Amino acid sequence: MLDDLTWSGMLADPGVQAGTVAVVGAVVTRIALRPFPSWKLAGQVFFFTALTILLISHDIVPYEVGPPTGSTFERVFIALAKVVWWINAAWALIGFVRVFLIFERQPREGRLVQDLVIGLIYLGAILSVVAYVFSFPVGTLIATSGVFAIILGLALQSTLNDVFSGIALNLGRPYAIGDWIVLNDGVEGRVVETNWRSTHLLNGTNDLVILPNSFLAKVGLTNLSSPDRSHGVTLTVRVVPTTGPSAIVDVMRTVLLSSGSILTEPKPGVQVKSLNADAVEVELSFRVKDIGHAGPAKNEIFDLVYRHIKAAGLTLARPIDAAGPPDKVQSEDIVKPHRPTPLKLLDAIPLFSSLTEDEKETLAASMIRRTYKKDAILLEQGDTVASLMIVRSGALIATRKEGHKEIELGRLAPGDYFGESGLLIGVGEAASLRALTFVVVYEIAQASLTPLLHDRPGIAEELAATLSRRIETGQHSFAAEGATLNNGSMTSLVMRIRHLFQVPQ
């Protein structure tokens, strides 16, 4: 009976109750709910409310100075209870700050402001404890610490300049984590971190550039990732004026249509910048998905410019600042002995690089020139093409249907070819090809290649080796019925070619 009274008395003791609530609340919110910010905040608010009700029910008001009367144990208990209450109040407020920033989906960008707010909350809690627990006049404490604050501020002037500059940058938000920025002095990179003193950039050579916030606040910068991630690119091309500017503009538009690396919206543009006796200067403008795609897109456009200009019979002009008098316009056909177009196309295709000059001439003589109007369908997905098509001019798009979706696989330009899998091993096309412009292609029929393989059976191995390399590097045309080709070894490819062309073993 005495034990029961002892336990009931202990449970009724406000110190035991407050201590129990504080300990349980700390364990639940700081350990059990740590991975769940929202639930952690709810738990902190619940235990803080329970602790508040418990203290007020025992006439303990945490935000008022308590009377000096009572035993030493009672005064110590009241002081500890108030300290615990203010700590829980600070934790609940900090929970609100963290959850708010997480819901904003920008926890890293707001870290500096978050730290500042949390620091102010802890400072307020400490001053409240000093005022309401120890009955010390806070105003006097702040006044007497002013001289020390001035001395400390002068000693940390540079650091404080970075800190307040960092606060201003975070509030103004001229950039965010992941943005690519360029400073007026030429330094550029992707923002990977912002903290109290500095901003960290990762430049194009994968080096970390650390810039003080005070420096960033003074220098001008350009944010290449704002207002959205897409990035504009312009390229200038100079062409010898052997034809009208409108024809050159049409060729450049076909160049942009042939690219699979640039955005179709907003629409790419071509503008004539100048015209004189030496050159027509045109500017190509387009956008890419992100600044990181600008380099590969430029490489692709330059390659396409070269191929389309050659296909159109045009010549690139010399740079404006080139030394010496202008050269006379000389086409490649004048500089070199005349070579028919079919032979030029065969020379540019790795698939036939092993053929002798006589074999190329024989094959070129059988090639058929075909033309297609804009939006014409050259082949449908699933068709088996018994011929190889080499693009002479124009642009094509390859698409594949997957359910109700139509996926773009890539685009073809002069010098590209398709149908090699159907020609050599009889595999159906995995994509449809549509003309984006007027297109000229040269066709090599299976019947044209058969006599060459019968005369020299070793060509089958050479063709299989080239086809195998293109499959492995992902360069072969959009005819990949993947499982059929990728699972085929070099030996099986040779056997399939010989079987299809009835070449003796």
Protein backbone atom coordinates (compact mmCIF):
# COMPACT_ATOMS: atom_id res chain seq x y z
CA MET A 1 0.00 0.00 0.00
CA LEU A 2 2.85 2.34 0.87
CA ASP A 3 4.53 1.56 -2.44
CA ASP A 4 1.34 2.46 -4.32
CA LEU A 5 1.14 5.77 -2.49
CA THR A 6 4.79 6.43 -3.29
CA TRP A 7 4.33 5.74 -6.99
CA SER A 8 1.13 7.81 -7.17
CA GLY A 9 2.86 10.65 -5.42
CA MET A 10 5.77 10.52 -7.83
CA LEU A 11 3.45 10.45 -10.83
CA ALA A 12 1.56 13.45 -9.48
CA ASP A 13 4.77 15.40 -8.99
CA PRO A 14 5.02 18.18 -11.64
CA GLY A 15 8.77 17.68 -11.92
CA VAL A 16 8.35 14.02 -12.86
CA GLN A 17 5.55 14.82 -15.29
CA ALA A 18 7.47 17.63 -17.01
CA GLY A 19 10.63 15.55 -17.15
CA THR A 20 8.77 12.58 -18.62
CA VAL A 21 7.11 14.70 -21.32
CA ALA A 22 10.45 16.38 -22.17
CA VAL A 23 12.39 13.09 -22.40
CA VAL A 24 9.70 11.25 -24.40
CA GLY A 25 9.32 14.24 -26.72
CA ALA A 26 13.07 14.47 -27.32
CA VAL A 27 13.38 10.73 -28.07
CA VAL A 28 10.37 10.66 -30.41
CA THR A 29 11.08 13.87 -32.33
CA ARG A 30 14.89 13.89 -32.38
CA ILE A 31 15.45 10.16 -33.02
CA ALA A 32 12.35 8.24 -34.16
CA LEU A 33 10.91 10.94 -36.46
CA ARG A 34 14.23 12.41 -37.64
CA PRO A 35 13.92 11.10 -41.26
CA PHE A 36 10.37 12.54 -41.57
CA PRO A 37 10.46 16.36 -41.32
CA SER A 38 6.70 16.88 -41.48
CA TRP A 39 5.91 14.26 -38.83
CA LYS A 40 8.82 15.52 -36.75
CA LEU A 41 7.32 19.01 -36.75
CA ALA A 42 3.89 17.64 -35.80
CA GLY A 43 5.48 15.73 -32.90
CA GLN A 44 7.39 18.79 -31.71
CA VAL A 45 4.23 20.91 -31.74
CA PHE A 46 2.31 18.18 -29.88
CA PHE A 47 4.88 17.71 -27.10
CA PHE A 48 5.45 21.47 -26.81
CA THR A 49 1.70 22.00 -26.40
CA ALA A 50 1.50 19.18 -23.83
CA LEU A 51 4.43 20.64 -21.87
CA THR A 52 2.85 24.11 -21.95
CA ILE A 53 -0.49 22.83 -20.63
CA LEU A 54 1.29 20.81 -17.95
CA LEU A 55 3.37 23.75 -16.67
CA ILE A 56 0.49 26.23 -16.69
CA SER A 57 -1.72 23.72 -14.84
CA HIS A 58 0.88 23.80 -12.05
CA ASP A 59 0.95 27.64 -12.09
CA ILE A 60 4.35 27.76 -13.83
CA VAL A 61 4.35 30.44 -16.54
CA PRO A 62 7.55 30.08 -18.64
CA TYR A 63 7.36 33.58 -20.13
CA GLU A 64 7.06 35.35 -16.76
CA VAL A 65 9.60 35.96 -14.01
CA GLY A 66 8.79 33.61 -11.12
CA PRO A 67 8.53 34.71 -7.47
CA PRO A 68 11.74 34.30 -5.40
CA THR A 69 9.84 32.43 -2.67
CA GLY A 70 9.87 28.67 -2.18
CA SER A 71 12.45 26.03 -1.38
CA THR A 72 15.71 25.68 -3.22
CA PHE A 73 14.54 22.45 -4.89
CA GLU A 74 11.33 24.14 -6.07
CA ARG A 75 13.22 27.10 -7.54
CA VAL A 76 15.68 24.79 -9.31
CA PHE A 77 12.83 22.69 -10.71
CA ILE A 78 10.95 25.76 -11.98
CA ALA A 79 14.14 27.06 -13.61
CA LEU A 80 14.82 23.72 -15.34
CA ALA A 81 11.20 23.46 -16.48
CA LYS A 82 11.36 26.93 -18.05
CA VAL A 83 14.66 26.15 -19.77
CA VAL A 84 13.19 22.93 -21.19
CA TRP A 85 10.10 24.82 -22.33
CA TRP A 86 12.14 27.49 -24.17
CA ILE A 87 14.31 24.79 -25.80
CA ASN A 88 11.19 23.01 -27.06
CA ALA A 89 9.77 26.32 -28.28
CA ALA A 90 12.99 26.92 -30.26
CA TRP A 91 12.88 23.39 -31.71
CA ALA A 92 9.25 23.82 -32.83
CA LEU A 93 10.03 27.14 -34.55
CA ILE A 94 13.11 25.64 -36.23
CA GLY A 95 10.95 22.74 -37.41
CA PHE A 96 8.62 25.23 -39.07
CA VAL A 97 11.60 26.86 -40.82
CA ARG A 98 13.02 23.57 -42.11
CA VAL A 99 9.68 22.19 -43.32
CA PHE A 100 8.87 25.46 -45.05
CA LEU A 101 12.16 25.38 -46.96
CA ILE A 102 11.70 21.68 -47.86
CA PHE A 103 8.19 22.36 -49.16
CA GLU A 104 9.69 25.16 -51.24
CA ARG A 105 11.87 22.42 -52.82
CA GLN A 106 14.96 24.56 -52.45
CA PRO A 107 16.67 23.33 -49.27
CA ARG A 108 20.24 23.90 -50.48
CA GLU A 109 19.70 27.38 -51.92
CA GLY A 110 18.06 28.50 -48.67
CA ARG A 111 20.68 27.04 -46.37
CA LEU A 112 22.35 30.36 -45.60
CA VAL A 113 19.04 32.13 -44.83
CA GLN A 114 17.89 29.03 -42.94
CA ASP A 115 21.02 29.10 -40.77
CA LEU A 116 20.52 32.80 -40.11
CA VAL A 117 16.89 32.32 -39.03
CA ILE A 118 17.81 29.34 -36.85
CA GLY A 119 20.61 31.35 -35.25
CA LEU A 120 18.18 34.17 -34.44
CA ILE A 121 15.72 31.68 -32.94
CA TYR A 122 18.40 30.19 -30.67
CA LEU A 123 19.59 33.68 -29.73
CA GLY A 124 16.04 34.67 -28.82
CA ALA A 125 15.62 31.49 -26.75
CA ILE A 126 18.89 32.15 -24.87
CA LEU A 127 17.92 35.77 -24.13
CA SER A 128 14.47 34.62 -22.98
CA VAL A 129 16.04 32.08 -20.62
CA VAL A 130 18.35 34.79 -19.26
CA ALA A 131 15.41 37.14 -18.72
CA TYR A 132 12.67 34.80 -17.43
CA VAL A 133 14.73 32.14 -15.67
CA PHE A 134 17.65 34.07 -14.17
CA SER A 135 15.79 37.43 -13.95
CA PHE A 136 18.74 39.22 -15.56
CA PRO A 137 17.93 42.51 -17.38
CA VAL A 138 18.48 41.73 -21.06
CA GLY A 139 18.69 45.41 -21.99
CA THR A 140 21.69 45.91 -19.72
CA LEU A 141 23.34 42.79 -21.16
CA ILE A 142 22.91 44.05 -24.72
CA ALA A 143 24.20 47.53 -23.83
CA THR A 144 27.31 46.26 -22.06
CA SER A 145 28.10 43.90 -24.97
CA GLY A 146 27.95 46.72 -27.54
CA VAL A 147 31.61 47.68 -27.15
CA PHE A 148 32.68 44.06 -27.51
CA ALA A 149 30.48 43.72 -30.61
CA ILE A 150 32.11 46.77 -32.21
CA ILE A 151 35.61 45.41 -31.58
CA LEU A 152 34.63 41.98 -32.90
CA GLY A 153 32.99 43.55 -35.96
CA LEU A 154 36.12 45.50 -36.86
CA ALA A 155 38.26 42.38 -36.48
CA LEU A 156 35.91 40.33 -38.67
CA GLN A 157 35.10 43.07 -41.18
CA SER A 158 36.04 41.02 -44.25
CA THR A 159 34.19 37.92 -43.05
CA LEU A 160 31.10 39.91 -42.11
CA ASN A 161 31.18 41.56 -45.53
CA ASP A 162 31.04 38.11 -47.15
CA VAL A 163 28.26 37.01 -44.78
CA PHE A 164 25.98 39.98 -45.41
CA SER A 165 26.74 39.86 -49.14
CA GLY A 166 25.74 36.20 -49.08
CA ILE A 167 22.48 37.09 -47.34
CA ALA A 168 21.76 39.76 -49.96
CA LEU A 169 22.53 37.34 -52.81
CA ASN A 170 20.26 34.67 -51.32
CA LEU A 171 17.42 37.12 -50.87
CA GLY A 172 17.87 38.62 -54.34
CA ARG A 173 18.34 35.17 -55.91
CA PRO A 174 20.28 36.19 -59.05
CA TYR A 175 21.23 32.52 -59.40
CA ALA A 176 20.37 29.14 -57.88
CA ILE A 177 22.08 25.80 -57.41
CA GLY A 178 22.61 24.23 -60.84
CA ASP A 179 22.61 27.53 -62.78
CA TRP A 180 25.45 28.32 -65.17
CA ILE A 181 26.74 31.86 -64.63
CA VAL A 182 29.35 33.99 -66.43
CA LEU A 183 31.09 36.87 -64.62
CA ASN A 184 32.18 40.06 -66.33
CA ASP A 185 35.84 39.07 -65.90
CA GLY A 186 35.29 35.87 -67.91
CA VAL A 187 35.02 33.38 -65.04
CA GLU A 188 32.15 30.97 -65.62
CA GLY A 189 30.78 27.74 -64.20
CA ARG A 190 27.82 25.89 -62.71
CA VAL A 191 26.80 26.88 -59.17
CA VAL A 192 27.20 23.83 -56.93
CA GLU A 193 27.05 25.39 -53.45
CA THR A 194 26.41 28.66 -51.62
CA ASN A 195 27.37 29.13 -47.98
CA TRP A 196 28.05 31.90 -45.45
CA ARG A 197 31.30 33.09 -47.00
CA SER A 198 31.47 31.98 -50.61
CA THR A 199 29.86 30.53 -53.71
CA HIS A 200 31.34 27.44 -55.38
CA LEU A 201 31.37 27.06 -59.17
CA LEU A 202 32.28 23.98 -61.20
CA ASN A 203 33.81 25.22 -64.46
CA GLY A 204 34.05 23.54 -67.86
CA THR A 205 37.33 21.77 -66.97
CA ASN A 206 35.72 20.26 -63.85
CA ASP A 207 37.72 22.52 -61.51
CA LEU A 208 36.15 24.04 -58.40
CA VAL A 209 36.17 27.87 -58.40
CA ILE A 210 35.50 29.45 -54.97
CA LEU A 211 34.36 33.08 -55.08
CA PRO A 212 33.82 35.27 -51.96
CA ASN A 213 30.24 36.50 -51.68
CA SER A 214 31.43 40.11 -51.34
CA PHE A 215 33.17 39.80 -54.74
CA LEU A 216 30.04 38.34 -56.38
CA ALA A 217 27.91 41.15 -54.93
CA LYS A 218 30.09 43.75 -56.67
CA VAL A 219 30.86 42.15 -60.03
CA GLY A 220 28.31 41.89 -62.84
CA LEU A 221 27.21 38.42 -63.95
CA THR A 222 25.08 36.78 -66.61
CA ASN A 223 22.87 33.84 -65.64
CA LEU A 224 22.74 31.57 -68.68
CA SER A 225 20.17 29.30 -67.00
CA SER A 226 17.56 31.99 -66.36
CA PRO A 227 14.68 32.52 -66.93
CA ASP A 228 14.71 28.87 -68.07
CA ARG A 229 17.34 26.20 -68.69
CA SER A 230 17.31 26.49 -72.47
CA HIS A 231 20.26 28.36 -73.95
CA GLY A 232 20.52 30.35 -77.17
CA VAL A 233 23.41 29.77 -79.59
CA THR A 234 24.41 31.71 -82.72
CA LEU A 235 26.87 30.65 -85.43
CA THR A 236 28.14 32.66 -88.39
CA VAL A 237 28.83 31.02 -91.75
CA ARG A 238 30.45 32.70 -94.76
CA VAL A 239 29.67 31.28 -98.21
CA VAL A 240 31.13 32.25 -101.58
CA PRO A 241 28.32 34.03 -103.49
CA THR A 242 28.06 31.68 -106.48
CA THR A 243 24.28 31.64 -106.03
CA GLY A 244 21.63 33.96 -104.59
CA PRO A 245 21.36 34.64 -100.84
CA SER A 246 17.88 33.08 -100.75
CA ALA A 247 19.28 29.75 -101.98
CA ILE A 248 22.03 29.88 -99.34
CA VAL A 249 19.42 30.64 -96.66
CA ASP A 250 17.41 27.58 -97.80
CA VAL A 251 20.51 25.39 -97.46
CA MET A 252 21.13 26.72 -93.92
CA ARG A 253 17.51 26.06 -92.97
CA THR A 254 17.96 22.49 -94.14
CA VAL A 255 21.06 22.32 -91.92
CA LEU A 256 18.96 23.26 -88.90
CA LEU A 257 16.24 20.79 -89.90
CA SER A 258 18.85 18.03 -90.06
CA SER A 259 20.00 18.58 -86.47
CA GLY A 260 18.67 16.39 -83.69
CA SER A 261 20.47 18.31 -80.91
CA ILE A 262 18.62 21.62 -81.05
CA LEU A 263 15.13 22.59 -79.88
CA THR A 264 12.37 22.92 -82.44
CA GLU A 265 10.59 25.50 -80.27
CA PRO A 266 11.32 28.37 -80.39
CA LYS A 267 11.90 27.91 -84.09
CA PRO A 268 15.55 28.15 -85.25
CA GLY A 269 16.31 31.02 -87.59
CA VAL A 270 18.65 32.03 -90.41
CA GLN A 271 19.49 35.66 -91.18
CA VAL A 272 21.69 37.23 -93.84
CA LYS A 273 24.12 39.52 -92.01
CA SER A 274 26.10 40.94 -94.94
CA LEU A 275 26.72 40.58 -98.66
CA ASN A 276 29.77 41.58 -100.69
CA ALA A 277 31.86 40.32 -103.60
CA ASP A 278 33.71 37.88 -101.37
CA ALA A 279 30.98 36.24 -99.31
CA VAL A 280 27.39 35.99 -98.17
CA GLU A 281 27.50 36.00 -94.37
CA VAL A 282 24.59 34.27 -92.65
CA GLU A 283 23.85 33.82 -88.96
CA LEU A 284 22.26 30.63 -87.63
CA SER A 285 20.41 31.02 -84.33
CA PHE A 286 18.93 28.19 -82.30
CA ARG A 287 18.35 27.05 -78.75
CA VAL A 288 19.50 23.94 -76.87
CA LYS A 289 17.98 22.29 -73.82
CA ASP A 290 20.79 23.30 -71.47
CA ILE A 291 24.11 25.16 -71.61
CA GLY A 292 25.86 21.77 -71.38
CA HIS A 293 24.35 20.79 -74.76
CA ALA A 294 25.73 23.87 -76.55
CA GLY A 295 29.15 22.34 -77.37
CA PRO A 296 27.86 19.07 -78.91
CA ALA A 297 25.16 21.00 -80.80
CA LYS A 298 27.76 23.35 -82.31
CA ASN A 299 29.87 20.38 -83.40
CA GLU A 300 26.87 18.78 -85.08
CA ILE A 301 25.83 22.02 -86.82
CA PHE A 302 29.34 22.66 -88.15
CA ASP A 303 29.46 19.12 -89.54
CA LEU A 304 26.03 19.53 -91.13
CA VAL A 305 26.99 22.90 -92.62
CA TYR A 306 29.98 21.29 -94.33
CA ARG A 307 27.96 18.35 -95.66
CA HIS A 308 25.01 20.40 -96.93
CA ILE A 309 27.25 23.03 -98.54
CA LYS A 310 29.15 20.31 -100.41
CA ALA A 311 25.88 18.65 -101.44
CA ALA A 312 24.55 21.98 -102.77
CA GLY A 313 27.73 22.65 -104.75
CA LEU A 314 28.62 25.72 -102.66
CA THR A 315 31.99 26.78 -101.25
CA LEU A 316 32.88 28.19 -97.85
CA ALA A 317 34.40 31.68 -98.00
CA ARG A 318 37.64 32.73 -96.35
CA PRO A 319 37.53 34.58 -93.01
CA ILE A 320 37.33 38.37 -93.15
CA ASP A 321 40.72 38.80 -91.50
CA ALA A 322 42.50 36.25 -93.75
CA ALA A 323 45.84 37.60 -95.03
CA GLY A 324 46.56 38.06 -98.71
CA PRO A 325 44.33 38.83 -101.70
CA PRO A 326 41.06 36.88 -102.12
CA ASP A 327 41.39 33.55 -103.89
CA LYS A 328 39.55 32.87 -107.10
CA VAL A 329 36.46 30.77 -106.61
CA GLN A 330 37.43 27.21 -107.41
CA SER A 331 35.13 24.29 -106.90
CA GLU A 332 36.38 20.95 -105.79
CA ASP A 333 35.64 19.56 -109.23
CA ILE A 334 38.10 22.05 -110.79
CA VAL A 335 40.86 21.48 -108.25
CA LYS A 336 40.56 17.71 -108.52
CA PRO A 337 39.79 15.51 -111.52
CA HIS A 338 36.08 15.21 -112.10
CA ARG A 339 34.52 12.33 -110.16
CA PRO A 340 30.88 11.33 -110.67
CA THR A 341 28.47 11.83 -107.78
CA PRO A 342 27.84 8.08 -107.20
CA LEU A 343 31.57 7.48 -106.78
CA LYS A 344 31.87 10.42 -104.37
CA LEU A 345 29.08 8.95 -102.25
CA LEU A 346 30.72 5.51 -102.22
CA ASP A 347 34.05 7.08 -101.22
CA ALA A 348 32.41 8.68 -98.18
CA ILE A 349 30.75 5.47 -96.89
CA PRO A 350 32.84 3.25 -94.57
CA LEU A 351 30.70 0.26 -95.55
CA PHE A 352 32.36 0.13 -98.98
CA SER A 353 35.84 1.32 -97.99
CA SER A 354 37.32 -2.14 -98.69
CA LEU A 355 36.18 -2.17 -102.34
CA THR A 356 38.73 -1.60 -105.08
CA GLU A 357 38.39 1.30 -107.52
CA ASP A 358 37.10 -1.03 -110.25
CA GLU A 359 34.53 -2.57 -107.87
CA LYS A 360 33.35 0.91 -106.85
CA GLU A 361 32.98 1.95 -110.48
CA THR A 362 30.97 -1.19 -111.22
CA LEU A 363 28.71 -0.55 -108.22
CA ALA A 364 28.37 3.17 -109.01
CA ALA A 365 27.22 2.39 -112.55
CA SER A 366 24.21 0.50 -111.16
CA MET A 367 23.15 3.13 -108.62
CA ILE A 368 19.73 4.68 -109.19
CA ARG A 369 18.96 8.34 -108.39
CA ARG A 370 15.61 8.87 -106.66
CA THR A 371 13.88 12.05 -105.49
CA TYR A 372 11.22 12.59 -102.84
CA LYS A 373 9.05 15.61 -102.11
CA LYS A 374 8.77 17.19 -98.69
CA ASP A 375 6.77 15.02 -96.21
CA ALA A 376 7.06 11.97 -98.48
CA ILE A 377 7.42 8.63 -96.63
CA LEU A 378 10.53 6.80 -97.86
CA LEU A 379 9.83 3.67 -95.84
CA GLU A 380 7.51 2.47 -93.09
CA GLN A 381 8.41 0.82 -89.81
CA GLY A 382 8.67 -2.94 -90.29
CA ASP A 383 9.43 -2.82 -94.03
CA THR A 384 12.31 -4.93 -95.30
CA VAL A 385 14.33 -2.85 -97.76
CA ALA A 386 16.42 -4.90 -100.18
CA SER A 387 18.57 -1.91 -101.08
CA LEU A 388 20.84 0.69 -99.53
CA MET A 389 19.82 4.35 -99.73
CA ILE A 390 22.51 7.07 -99.63
CA VAL A 391 21.32 10.64 -98.96
CA ARG A 392 22.65 13.04 -101.61
CA SER A 393 20.83 16.18 -100.43
CA GLY A 394 18.02 17.22 -98.10
CA ALA A 395 17.02 16.15 -94.60
CA LEU A 396 15.03 13.19 -93.26
CA ILE A 397 13.58 12.28 -89.88
CA ALA A 398 13.38 8.75 -88.41
CA THR A 399 10.50 7.97 -86.05
CA ARG A 400 9.31 4.83 -84.31
CA LYS A 401 5.83 4.07 -83.00
CA GLU A 402 5.62 2.60 -79.51
CA GLY A 403 1.98 2.13 -78.62
CA HIS A 404 0.24 5.47 -79.16
CA LYS A 405 3.49 7.42 -79.00
CA GLU A 406 5.74 8.39 -81.88
CA ILE A 407 9.39 8.75 -80.84
CA GLU A 408 12.00 10.60 -82.87
CA LEU A 409 15.14 8.47 -83.22
CA GLY A 410 17.26 10.88 -85.23
CA ARG A 411 17.75 12.78 -88.46
CA LEU A 412 19.68 12.09 -91.64
CA ALA A 413 21.69 14.54 -93.75
CA PRO A 414 23.82 14.30 -96.92
CA GLY A 415 26.32 11.45 -96.62
CA ASP A 416 24.12 9.39 -94.25
CA TYR A 417 22.64 6.14 -95.43
CA PHE A 418 20.01 3.64 -94.33
CA GLY A 419 18.77 0.18 -95.24
CA GLU A 420 22.14 -1.61 -94.82
CA SER A 421 20.63 -4.18 -92.45
CA GLY A 422 17.87 -5.05 -94.89
CA LEU A 423 20.31 -5.11 -97.80
CA LEU A 424 22.92 -7.33 -96.15
CA ILE A 425 21.02 -9.60 -93.75
CA GLY A 426 17.31 -9.10 -94.56
CA VAL A 427 16.26 -7.43 -91.29
CA GLY A 428 13.13 -5.26 -91.24
CA GLU A 429 13.29 -1.53 -90.49
CA ALA A 430 12.58 -0.48 -86.90
CA ALA A 431 11.69 3.09 -87.88
CA SER A 432 9.83 5.09 -90.49
CA LEU A 433 11.68 7.68 -92.58
CA ARG A 434 10.01 10.91 -93.72
CA ALA A 435 11.45 13.70 -95.88
CA LEU A 436 11.68 17.07 -94.10
CA THR A 437 12.70 18.80 -97.35
CA PHE A 438 13.08 17.87 -100.99
CA VAL A 439 15.39 14.85 -100.83
CA VAL A 440 17.70 13.20 -103.34
CA VAL A 441 18.97 9.68 -102.59
CA TYR A 442 21.02 7.15 -104.53
CA GLU A 443 19.89 3.53 -104.30
CA ILE A 444 22.08 0.42 -104.39
CA ALA A 445 19.92 -2.61 -105.07
CA GLN A 446 20.69 -6.05 -103.71
CA ALA A 447 21.00 -7.35 -107.27
CA SER A 448 23.78 -4.82 -107.93
CA LEU A 449 25.88 -6.07 -105.04
CA THR A 450 25.40 -9.79 -105.73
CA PRO A 451 27.93 -10.08 -108.65
CA LEU A 452 30.65 -8.43 -106.54
CA LEU A 453 30.18 -10.92 -103.70
CA HIS A 454 30.23 -13.84 -106.12
CA ASP A 455 33.43 -12.60 -107.78
CA ARG A 456 35.15 -11.89 -104.46
CA PRO A 457 33.50 -13.78 -101.53
CA GLY A 458 35.86 -12.07 -99.06
CA ILE A 459 33.78 -8.91 -99.40
CA ALA A 460 31.14 -10.59 -97.21
CA GLU A 461 33.53 -10.65 -94.25
CA GLU A 462 34.57 -7.03 -94.84
CA LEU A 463 30.95 -5.88 -95.01
CA ALA A 464 30.07 -7.90 -91.88
CA ALA A 465 33.00 -6.36 -89.97
CA THR A 466 31.92 -2.81 -90.87
CA LEU A 467 28.27 -3.53 -90.04
CA SER A 468 29.25 -5.09 -86.72
CA ARG A 469 31.29 -1.99 -85.75
CA ARG A 470 28.38 0.31 -86.60
CA ILE A 471 26.02 -1.80 -84.50
CA GLU A 472 28.38 -1.78 -81.52
CA THR A 473 28.94 2.00 -81.68
CA GLY A 474 25.25 2.77 -82.29
CA GLN A 475 26.01 4.38 -85.66
CA HIS A 476 24.10 2.07 -87.95
CA SER A 477 20.84 3.26 -89.43
CA PHE A 478 17.51 3.06 -87.68
CA ALA A 479 16.90 -0.47 -88.98
CA ALA A 480 17.91 -2.12 -85.74
CA GLU A 481 15.63 -4.88 -84.75
CA GLY A 482 17.94 -4.84 -81.76
CA ALA A 483 17.74 -8.41 -80.58
CA THR A 484 18.27 -9.74 -84.09
CA LEU A 485 21.40 -7.68 -84.76
CA ASN A 486 23.02 -7.08 -81.39
CA ASN A 487 22.95 -10.72 -80.43
CA GLY A 488 24.61 -11.69 -83.71
CA SER A 489 28.30 -12.47 -83.68
CA MET A 490 30.70 -11.61 -86.47
CA THR A 491 30.57 -15.20 -87.73
CA SER A 492 26.77 -15.28 -87.82
CA LEU A 493 26.66 -11.96 -89.71
CA VAL A 494 29.02 -13.34 -92.36
CA MET A 495 26.92 -16.50 -92.69
CA ARG A 496 23.71 -14.49 -93.05
CA ILE A 497 25.22 -12.25 -95.74
CA ARG A 498 26.51 -15.27 -97.70
CA HIS A 499 23.18 -17.05 -97.35
CA LEU A 500 21.18 -14.03 -98.48
CA PHE A 501 23.38 -13.43 -101.53
CA GLN A 502 23.84 -17.21 -102.15
CA VAL A 503 27.61 -16.89 -101.96
CA PRO A 504 29.36 -20.28 -101.90
CA GLN A 505 31.05 -21.15 -98.59
